[in-house]
Amino acid sequence: MTNPNASPAVWVNGILNVDVKGTIGDTPVKLTSFLTTSLSTSFNQLGGYNFSFEDNHSSSSRRSLTISLRKLLDPSIAGYFEYVVTERGLQPYDYEVTSSSGIAVSQLNSGLYLYSLDNLQISAKAVHGDETRELTGNGYFFLQELTYPI
């Protein structure tokens, strides 16, 4: 019997290994690669979910790769952020994603999805600067839709 007092919920688990290269000014640099299992998920007001792989080695090197799951079978890279330290504290430094590879999706059963980020490739340019980033990597995550009793 369905519980009328249940709330939608989601469980996620995954890993992402990313190699980062880019330019700062006109100088090409190989930046610190990261392996992350830090994940966050939120409900999107327009439907579906927002999902982020987050790296937080230290305040000035925190990075986040966001994936839009508005349509569970059609995910897309929504953004890439690096964080900088300012007088007001830690602030996101936005990058506009100019190209990205696809994300393979498998629906394993009703409500359970596997997202494969094999051969991930992302190009991005800083919104307020001339920095660029090239991200490559591999990873995956599971998403399971659940109901949670109120």
N, C-alpha and C. Protein backbone atom coordinates (compact mmCIF):
# COMPACT_ATOMS: atom_id res chain seq x y z
N MET A 1 0.83 -1.17 0.00
CA MET A 1 0.00 0.00 0.00
C MET A 1 0.88 1.24 0.00
N THR A 2 0.54 2.23 -0.79
CA THR A 2 1.32 3.46 -0.90
C THR A 2 1.05 4.35 0.30
N ASN A 3 2.11 4.91 0.84
CA ASN A 3 2.00 5.80 2.00
C ASN A 3 1.67 7.21 1.50
N PRO A 4 0.49 7.76 1.83
CA PRO A 4 0.15 9.10 1.35
C PRO A 4 1.01 10.19 1.99
N ASN A 5 1.72 9.86 3.05
CA ASN A 5 2.58 10.83 3.73
C ASN A 5 4.05 10.64 3.37
N ALA A 6 4.32 10.04 2.21
CA ALA A 6 5.70 9.81 1.79
C ALA A 6 6.19 10.98 0.96
N SER A 7 7.48 11.20 1.04
CA SER A 7 8.13 12.28 0.30
C SER A 7 9.11 11.67 -0.70
N PRO A 8 9.26 12.28 -1.90
CA PRO A 8 10.27 11.76 -2.83
C PRO A 8 11.67 11.93 -2.25
N ALA A 9 12.52 10.97 -2.53
CA ALA A 9 13.90 11.00 -2.04
C ALA A 9 14.80 10.38 -3.09
N VAL A 10 16.10 10.61 -2.95
CA VAL A 10 17.06 10.05 -3.90
C VAL A 10 18.32 9.65 -3.14
N TRP A 11 18.92 8.54 -3.57
CA TRP A 11 20.18 8.05 -3.02
C TRP A 11 21.18 8.04 -4.17
N VAL A 12 22.41 8.55 -3.92
CA VAL A 12 23.44 8.57 -4.96
C VAL A 12 24.75 8.02 -4.40
N ASN A 13 25.55 7.44 -5.30
CA ASN A 13 26.87 6.93 -4.94
C ASN A 13 27.69 6.88 -6.21
N GLY A 14 28.95 7.32 -6.14
CA GLY A 14 29.78 7.28 -7.33
C GLY A 14 31.18 7.78 -7.08
N ILE A 15 31.96 7.84 -8.15
CA ILE A 15 33.36 8.25 -8.08
C ILE A 15 33.73 8.90 -9.41
N LEU A 16 34.63 9.87 -9.36
CA LEU A 16 35.09 10.54 -10.58
C LEU A 16 36.57 10.86 -10.43
N ASN A 17 37.35 10.50 -11.45
CA ASN A 17 38.78 10.79 -11.49
C ASN A 17 39.00 11.75 -12.66
N VAL A 18 39.50 12.96 -12.36
CA VAL A 18 39.59 14.01 -13.37
C VAL A 18 41.01 14.55 -13.48
N ASP A 19 41.48 14.69 -14.72
CA ASP A 19 42.75 15.34 -15.02
C ASP A 19 42.43 16.72 -15.56
N VAL A 20 43.10 17.76 -15.04
CA VAL A 20 42.78 19.13 -15.42
C VAL A 20 44.00 19.81 -16.04
N LYS A 21 43.80 20.37 -17.22
CA LYS A 21 44.80 21.21 -17.88
C LYS A 21 44.12 22.52 -18.22
N GLY A 22 44.90 23.54 -18.49
CA GLY A 22 44.27 24.79 -18.85
C GLY A 22 45.28 25.85 -19.17
N THR A 23 44.77 27.06 -19.29
CA THR A 23 45.63 28.22 -19.47
C THR A 23 45.28 29.25 -18.41
N ILE A 24 46.30 29.91 -17.95
CA ILE A 24 46.14 31.05 -17.05
C ILE A 24 46.86 32.18 -17.74
N GLY A 25 46.09 33.20 -18.17
CA GLY A 25 46.65 34.18 -19.09
C GLY A 25 46.88 33.46 -20.40
N ASP A 26 48.07 33.54 -20.93
CA ASP A 26 48.41 32.80 -22.15
C ASP A 26 49.32 31.61 -21.85
N THR A 27 49.51 31.30 -20.57
CA THR A 27 50.44 30.26 -20.17
C THR A 27 49.73 28.93 -19.96
N PRO A 28 50.08 27.89 -20.73
CA PRO A 28 49.49 26.57 -20.51
C PRO A 28 49.99 25.99 -19.19
N VAL A 29 49.10 25.39 -18.41
CA VAL A 29 49.47 24.78 -17.13
C VAL A 29 48.75 23.44 -16.96
N LYS A 30 49.43 22.52 -16.29
CA LYS A 30 48.79 21.27 -15.89
C LYS A 30 48.43 21.46 -14.43
N LEU A 31 47.14 21.45 -14.13
CA LEU A 31 46.66 21.70 -12.79
C LEU A 31 46.51 20.38 -12.03
N THR A 32 46.29 20.48 -10.75
CA THR A 32 46.16 19.31 -9.90
C THR A 32 44.96 18.46 -10.34
N SER A 33 45.21 17.20 -10.60
CA SER A 33 44.14 16.26 -10.90
C SER A 33 43.40 15.96 -9.60
N PHE A 34 42.17 15.47 -9.72
CA PHE A 34 41.46 15.12 -8.50
C PHE A 34 40.63 13.87 -8.67
N LEU A 35 40.52 13.14 -7.58
CA LEU A 35 39.68 11.97 -7.46
C LEU A 35 38.66 12.31 -6.40
N THR A 36 37.39 12.19 -6.73
CA THR A 36 36.40 12.60 -5.75
C THR A 36 35.29 11.57 -5.60
N THR A 37 34.88 11.39 -4.37
CA THR A 37 33.68 10.63 -4.06
C THR A 37 32.70 11.53 -3.32
N SER A 38 33.03 12.82 -3.23
CA SER A 38 32.13 13.77 -2.58
C SER A 38 31.04 14.16 -3.57
N LEU A 39 29.81 13.82 -3.25
CA LEU A 39 28.70 14.03 -4.15
C LEU A 39 27.62 14.84 -3.45
N SER A 40 26.92 15.66 -4.20
CA SER A 40 25.75 16.33 -3.63
C SER A 40 24.64 16.30 -4.67
N THR A 41 23.42 16.19 -4.20
CA THR A 41 22.26 16.15 -5.07
C THR A 41 21.19 17.05 -4.49
N SER A 42 20.47 17.72 -5.37
CA SER A 42 19.34 18.53 -4.92
C SER A 42 18.23 18.41 -5.95
N PHE A 43 17.01 18.69 -5.52
CA PHE A 43 15.88 18.68 -6.43
C PHE A 43 15.93 19.97 -7.25
N ASN A 44 15.71 19.85 -8.56
CA ASN A 44 15.64 21.01 -9.44
C ASN A 44 14.20 21.52 -9.42
N GLN A 45 14.01 22.81 -9.28
CA GLN A 45 12.66 23.37 -9.22
C GLN A 45 11.89 23.14 -10.51
N LEU A 46 12.59 22.91 -11.62
CA LEU A 46 11.94 22.67 -12.90
C LEU A 46 11.72 21.18 -13.16
N GLY A 47 12.08 20.34 -12.21
CA GLY A 47 11.93 18.90 -12.35
C GLY A 47 13.28 18.21 -12.40
N GLY A 48 13.33 16.99 -11.93
CA GLY A 48 14.57 16.23 -11.92
C GLY A 48 15.50 16.66 -10.80
N TYR A 49 16.80 16.49 -11.05
CA TYR A 49 17.80 16.72 -10.01
C TYR A 49 18.99 17.49 -10.55
N ASN A 50 19.71 18.12 -9.65
CA ASN A 50 21.03 18.67 -9.93
C ASN A 50 22.00 17.81 -9.15
N PHE A 51 23.11 17.47 -9.76
CA PHE A 51 24.07 16.54 -9.17
C PHE A 51 25.46 17.12 -9.33
N SER A 52 26.27 17.07 -8.28
CA SER A 52 27.63 17.62 -8.36
C SER A 52 28.66 16.67 -7.78
N PHE A 53 29.76 16.52 -8.53
CA PHE A 53 30.98 15.91 -7.99
C PHE A 53 31.78 17.08 -7.44
N GLU A 54 32.20 16.98 -6.20
CA GLU A 54 32.92 18.09 -5.57
C GLU A 54 34.26 17.63 -5.04
N ASP A 55 35.25 18.49 -5.25
CA ASP A 55 36.60 18.27 -4.75
C ASP A 55 36.87 19.38 -3.75
N ASN A 56 37.31 19.05 -2.56
CA ASN A 56 37.54 20.08 -1.56
C ASN A 56 38.82 19.79 -0.80
N HIS A 57 39.95 19.79 -1.53
CA HIS A 57 41.22 19.53 -0.87
C HIS A 57 41.61 20.66 0.06
N SER A 58 41.33 21.88 -0.33
CA SER A 58 41.59 23.04 0.51
C SER A 58 40.72 24.19 0.00
N SER A 59 40.61 25.23 0.75
CA SER A 59 39.74 26.33 0.39
C SER A 59 40.04 26.91 -0.98
N SER A 60 41.31 27.04 -1.32
CA SER A 60 41.63 27.72 -2.57
C SER A 60 41.74 26.78 -3.76
N SER A 61 41.51 25.48 -3.59
CA SER A 61 41.56 24.59 -4.74
C SER A 61 40.27 23.78 -4.89
N ARG A 62 39.20 24.21 -4.26
CA ARG A 62 37.92 23.50 -4.35
C ARG A 62 37.37 23.61 -5.77
N ARG A 63 36.84 22.50 -6.28
CA ARG A 63 36.27 22.46 -7.63
C ARG A 63 34.97 21.67 -7.61
N SER A 64 34.10 21.96 -8.58
CA SER A 64 32.82 21.29 -8.64
C SER A 64 32.39 21.12 -10.09
N LEU A 65 31.96 19.93 -10.45
CA LEU A 65 31.43 19.62 -11.77
C LEU A 65 29.96 19.26 -11.58
N THR A 66 29.07 20.03 -12.20
CA THR A 66 27.64 19.86 -11.99
C THR A 66 26.98 19.23 -13.22
N ILE A 67 26.10 18.29 -12.95
CA ILE A 67 25.36 17.58 -14.00
C ILE A 67 23.88 17.81 -13.78
N SER A 68 23.17 18.14 -14.86
CA SER A 68 21.73 18.33 -14.79
C SER A 68 21.04 17.01 -15.12
N LEU A 69 20.15 16.61 -14.24
CA LEU A 69 19.36 15.39 -14.46
C LEU A 69 17.88 15.75 -14.54
N ARG A 70 17.57 16.82 -15.28
CA ARG A 70 16.17 17.20 -15.44
C ARG A 70 15.40 16.07 -16.10
N LYS A 71 16.04 15.40 -17.04
CA LYS A 71 15.49 14.20 -17.66
C LYS A 71 16.46 13.08 -17.30
N LEU A 72 16.01 12.11 -16.54
CA LEU A 72 16.91 11.08 -16.01
C LEU A 72 17.64 10.29 -17.09
N LEU A 73 17.05 10.16 -18.26
CA LEU A 73 17.69 9.40 -19.34
C LEU A 73 18.46 10.30 -20.30
N ASP A 74 18.52 11.61 -20.01
CA ASP A 74 19.22 12.56 -20.88
C ASP A 74 20.00 13.57 -20.03
N PRO A 75 21.05 13.10 -19.33
CA PRO A 75 21.83 14.00 -18.48
C PRO A 75 22.71 14.94 -19.31
N SER A 76 23.07 16.07 -18.71
CA SER A 76 23.97 17.00 -19.40
C SER A 76 24.88 17.68 -18.39
N ILE A 77 26.07 18.05 -18.85
CA ILE A 77 27.00 18.80 -18.01
C ILE A 77 26.43 20.21 -17.86
N ALA A 78 26.17 20.63 -16.64
CA ALA A 78 25.54 21.93 -16.40
C ALA A 78 26.55 23.01 -16.06
N GLY A 79 27.71 22.64 -15.53
CA GLY A 79 28.67 23.68 -15.19
C GLY A 79 29.92 23.15 -14.53
N TYR A 80 30.94 23.99 -14.53
CA TYR A 80 32.19 23.71 -13.85
C TYR A 80 32.56 24.96 -13.06
N PHE A 81 32.93 24.78 -11.81
CA PHE A 81 33.28 25.90 -10.94
C PHE A 81 34.58 25.61 -10.22
N GLU A 82 35.38 26.63 -10.05
CA GLU A 82 36.51 26.61 -9.15
C GLU A 82 36.23 27.70 -8.13
N TYR A 83 36.73 27.57 -6.94
CA TYR A 83 36.42 28.54 -5.89
C TYR A 83 37.67 29.33 -5.56
N VAL A 84 37.49 30.62 -5.31
CA VAL A 84 38.59 31.51 -4.97
C VAL A 84 38.32 32.14 -3.61
N VAL A 85 39.38 32.53 -2.93
CA VAL A 85 39.26 33.17 -1.63
C VAL A 85 39.22 34.68 -1.85
N THR A 86 38.19 35.33 -1.35
CA THR A 86 38.06 36.78 -1.46
C THR A 86 37.88 37.37 -0.07
N GLU A 87 37.80 38.69 0.00
CA GLU A 87 37.55 39.35 1.28
C GLU A 87 36.23 38.92 1.89
N ARG A 88 35.29 38.50 1.04
CA ARG A 88 33.97 38.06 1.52
C ARG A 88 33.94 36.56 1.80
N GLY A 89 35.06 35.90 1.67
CA GLY A 89 35.11 34.46 1.90
C GLY A 89 35.25 33.69 0.59
N LEU A 90 34.94 32.42 0.63
CA LEU A 90 35.07 31.53 -0.53
C LEU A 90 33.96 31.84 -1.53
N GLN A 91 34.34 32.11 -2.80
CA GLN A 91 33.37 32.48 -3.83
C GLN A 91 33.59 31.61 -5.07
N PRO A 92 32.48 31.23 -5.75
CA PRO A 92 32.64 30.44 -6.99
C PRO A 92 33.20 31.30 -8.12
N TYR A 93 34.08 30.71 -8.91
CA TYR A 93 34.64 31.33 -10.11
C TYR A 93 34.07 30.53 -11.27
N ASP A 94 33.14 31.13 -11.99
CA ASP A 94 32.35 30.42 -12.99
C ASP A 94 33.10 30.19 -14.29
N TYR A 95 32.89 29.02 -14.85
CA TYR A 95 33.38 28.66 -16.17
C TYR A 95 32.19 28.31 -17.05
N GLU A 96 32.20 28.78 -18.27
CA GLU A 96 31.17 28.42 -19.23
C GLU A 96 31.65 27.18 -19.98
N VAL A 97 30.87 26.13 -19.92
CA VAL A 97 31.22 24.89 -20.61
C VAL A 97 30.97 25.11 -22.10
N THR A 98 32.04 25.00 -22.90
CA THR A 98 31.92 25.23 -24.33
C THR A 98 31.70 23.94 -25.11
N SER A 99 32.13 22.81 -24.55
CA SER A 99 31.85 21.51 -25.18
C SER A 99 32.01 20.43 -24.12
N SER A 100 31.29 19.34 -24.29
CA SER A 100 31.43 18.22 -23.36
C SER A 100 31.03 16.93 -24.06
N SER A 101 31.61 15.84 -23.58
CA SER A 101 31.24 14.53 -24.11
C SER A 101 29.93 14.11 -23.48
N GLY A 102 29.35 13.08 -24.03
CA GLY A 102 28.09 12.58 -23.52
C GLY A 102 28.27 11.72 -22.28
N ILE A 103 27.17 11.47 -21.63
CA ILE A 103 27.13 10.61 -20.45
C ILE A 103 26.21 9.44 -20.79
N ALA A 104 26.74 8.23 -20.70
CA ALA A 104 25.94 7.04 -21.00
C ALA A 104 25.05 6.71 -19.81
N VAL A 105 23.81 6.33 -20.08
CA VAL A 105 22.83 6.03 -19.03
C VAL A 105 22.29 4.63 -19.22
N SER A 106 22.21 3.90 -18.12
CA SER A 106 21.57 2.58 -18.12
C SER A 106 20.52 2.58 -17.02
N GLN A 107 19.28 2.24 -17.37
CA GLN A 107 18.25 2.07 -16.35
C GLN A 107 18.28 0.61 -15.94
N LEU A 108 18.80 0.35 -14.73
CA LEU A 108 19.01 -1.03 -14.28
C LEU A 108 17.72 -1.68 -13.83
N ASN A 109 16.82 -0.92 -13.23
CA ASN A 109 15.46 -1.35 -12.93
C ASN A 109 14.65 -0.10 -12.62
N SER A 110 13.42 -0.26 -12.27
CA SER A 110 12.56 0.89 -12.02
C SER A 110 13.14 1.73 -10.88
N GLY A 111 13.52 2.95 -11.20
CA GLY A 111 14.04 3.86 -10.18
C GLY A 111 15.53 3.78 -9.92
N LEU A 112 16.27 2.89 -10.61
CA LEU A 112 17.71 2.76 -10.41
C LEU A 112 18.43 3.00 -11.73
N TYR A 113 19.35 3.98 -11.73
CA TYR A 113 20.06 4.40 -12.93
C TYR A 113 21.56 4.37 -12.71
N LEU A 114 22.30 3.99 -13.75
CA LEU A 114 23.76 4.03 -13.74
C LEU A 114 24.20 5.02 -14.81
N TYR A 115 24.98 6.02 -14.40
CA TYR A 115 25.51 7.04 -15.31
C TYR A 115 27.01 6.81 -15.45
N SER A 116 27.47 6.55 -16.67
CA SER A 116 28.89 6.29 -16.94
C SER A 116 29.53 7.51 -17.57
N LEU A 117 30.61 7.97 -16.96
CA LEU A 117 31.36 9.12 -17.45
C LEU A 117 32.69 8.64 -18.01
N ASP A 118 32.67 7.56 -18.80
CA ASP A 118 33.88 7.04 -19.41
C ASP A 118 34.34 8.00 -20.50
N ASN A 119 35.64 8.24 -20.55
CA ASN A 119 36.22 9.15 -21.53
C ASN A 119 35.58 10.54 -21.49
N LEU A 120 35.35 11.03 -20.27
CA LEU A 120 34.80 12.36 -20.07
C LEU A 120 35.74 13.41 -20.65
N GLN A 121 35.20 14.35 -21.42
CA GLN A 121 35.98 15.46 -21.98
C GLN A 121 35.13 16.72 -21.89
N ILE A 122 35.68 17.74 -21.22
CA ILE A 122 34.98 19.01 -21.06
C ILE A 122 35.94 20.14 -21.37
N SER A 123 35.48 21.11 -22.14
CA SER A 123 36.21 22.35 -22.37
C SER A 123 35.41 23.48 -21.76
N ALA A 124 36.10 24.39 -21.06
CA ALA A 124 35.41 25.49 -20.40
C ALA A 124 36.27 26.74 -20.43
N LYS A 125 35.61 27.89 -20.40
CA LYS A 125 36.28 29.18 -20.38
C LYS A 125 35.72 29.99 -19.22
N ALA A 126 36.60 30.67 -18.49
CA ALA A 126 36.16 31.50 -17.37
C ALA A 126 35.21 32.58 -17.85
N VAL A 127 34.13 32.80 -17.11
CA VAL A 127 33.15 33.81 -17.47
C VAL A 127 33.73 35.21 -17.33
N HIS A 128 34.54 35.45 -16.30
CA HIS A 128 35.06 36.80 -16.02
C HIS A 128 36.57 36.90 -16.17
N GLY A 129 37.16 36.06 -16.99
CA GLY A 129 38.61 36.11 -17.18
C GLY A 129 38.99 35.40 -18.46
N ASP A 130 40.31 35.23 -18.65
CA ASP A 130 40.76 34.57 -19.88
C ASP A 130 41.28 33.16 -19.63
N GLU A 131 41.00 32.60 -18.43
CA GLU A 131 41.43 31.25 -18.13
C GLU A 131 40.58 30.23 -18.88
N THR A 132 41.20 29.11 -19.24
CA THR A 132 40.47 28.00 -19.85
C THR A 132 40.79 26.73 -19.07
N ARG A 133 39.92 25.76 -19.20
CA ARG A 133 40.13 24.46 -18.57
C ARG A 133 39.74 23.36 -19.56
N GLU A 134 40.56 22.30 -19.55
CA GLU A 134 40.28 21.08 -20.30
C GLU A 134 40.26 19.96 -19.27
N LEU A 135 39.12 19.34 -19.07
CA LEU A 135 38.98 18.27 -18.11
C LEU A 135 38.78 16.95 -18.86
N THR A 136 39.51 15.93 -18.45
CA THR A 136 39.32 14.59 -18.99
C THR A 136 39.26 13.64 -17.81
N GLY A 137 38.56 12.56 -17.97
CA GLY A 137 38.50 11.62 -16.86
C GLY A 137 37.52 10.49 -17.08
N ASN A 138 37.34 9.74 -16.00
CA ASN A 138 36.46 8.58 -16.00
C ASN A 138 35.77 8.49 -14.65
N GLY A 139 34.57 7.94 -14.67
CA GLY A 139 33.84 7.74 -13.43
C GLY A 139 32.44 7.23 -13.69
N TYR A 140 31.67 7.16 -12.63
CA TYR A 140 30.29 6.70 -12.74
C TYR A 140 29.54 7.16 -11.49
N PHE A 141 28.23 7.11 -11.55
CA PHE A 141 27.44 7.23 -10.34
C PHE A 141 26.11 6.52 -10.53
N PHE A 142 25.60 6.03 -9.40
CA PHE A 142 24.29 5.41 -9.34
C PHE A 142 23.31 6.42 -8.76
N LEU A 143 22.09 6.40 -9.23
CA LEU A 143 21.03 7.20 -8.65
C LEU A 143 19.82 6.30 -8.46
N GLN A 144 19.28 6.30 -7.26
CA GLN A 144 18.08 5.51 -6.97
C GLN A 144 17.00 6.42 -6.42
N GLU A 145 15.86 6.41 -7.07
CA GLU A 145 14.72 7.18 -6.57
C GLU A 145 14.00 6.35 -5.52
N LEU A 146 13.65 7.01 -4.42
CA LEU A 146 13.02 6.34 -3.29
C LEU A 146 11.84 7.17 -2.80
N THR A 147 11.11 6.63 -1.86
CA THR A 147 10.16 7.43 -1.10
C THR A 147 10.60 7.39 0.35
N TYR A 148 10.41 8.51 1.02
CA TYR A 148 10.86 8.64 2.41
C TYR A 148 9.65 9.00 3.27
N PRO A 149 9.39 8.24 4.30
CA PRO A 149 8.21 8.54 5.13
C PRO A 149 8.36 9.88 5.86
N ILE A 150 7.28 10.59 5.92
CA ILE A 150 7.30 11.88 6.62
C ILE A 150 7.10 11.66 8.09
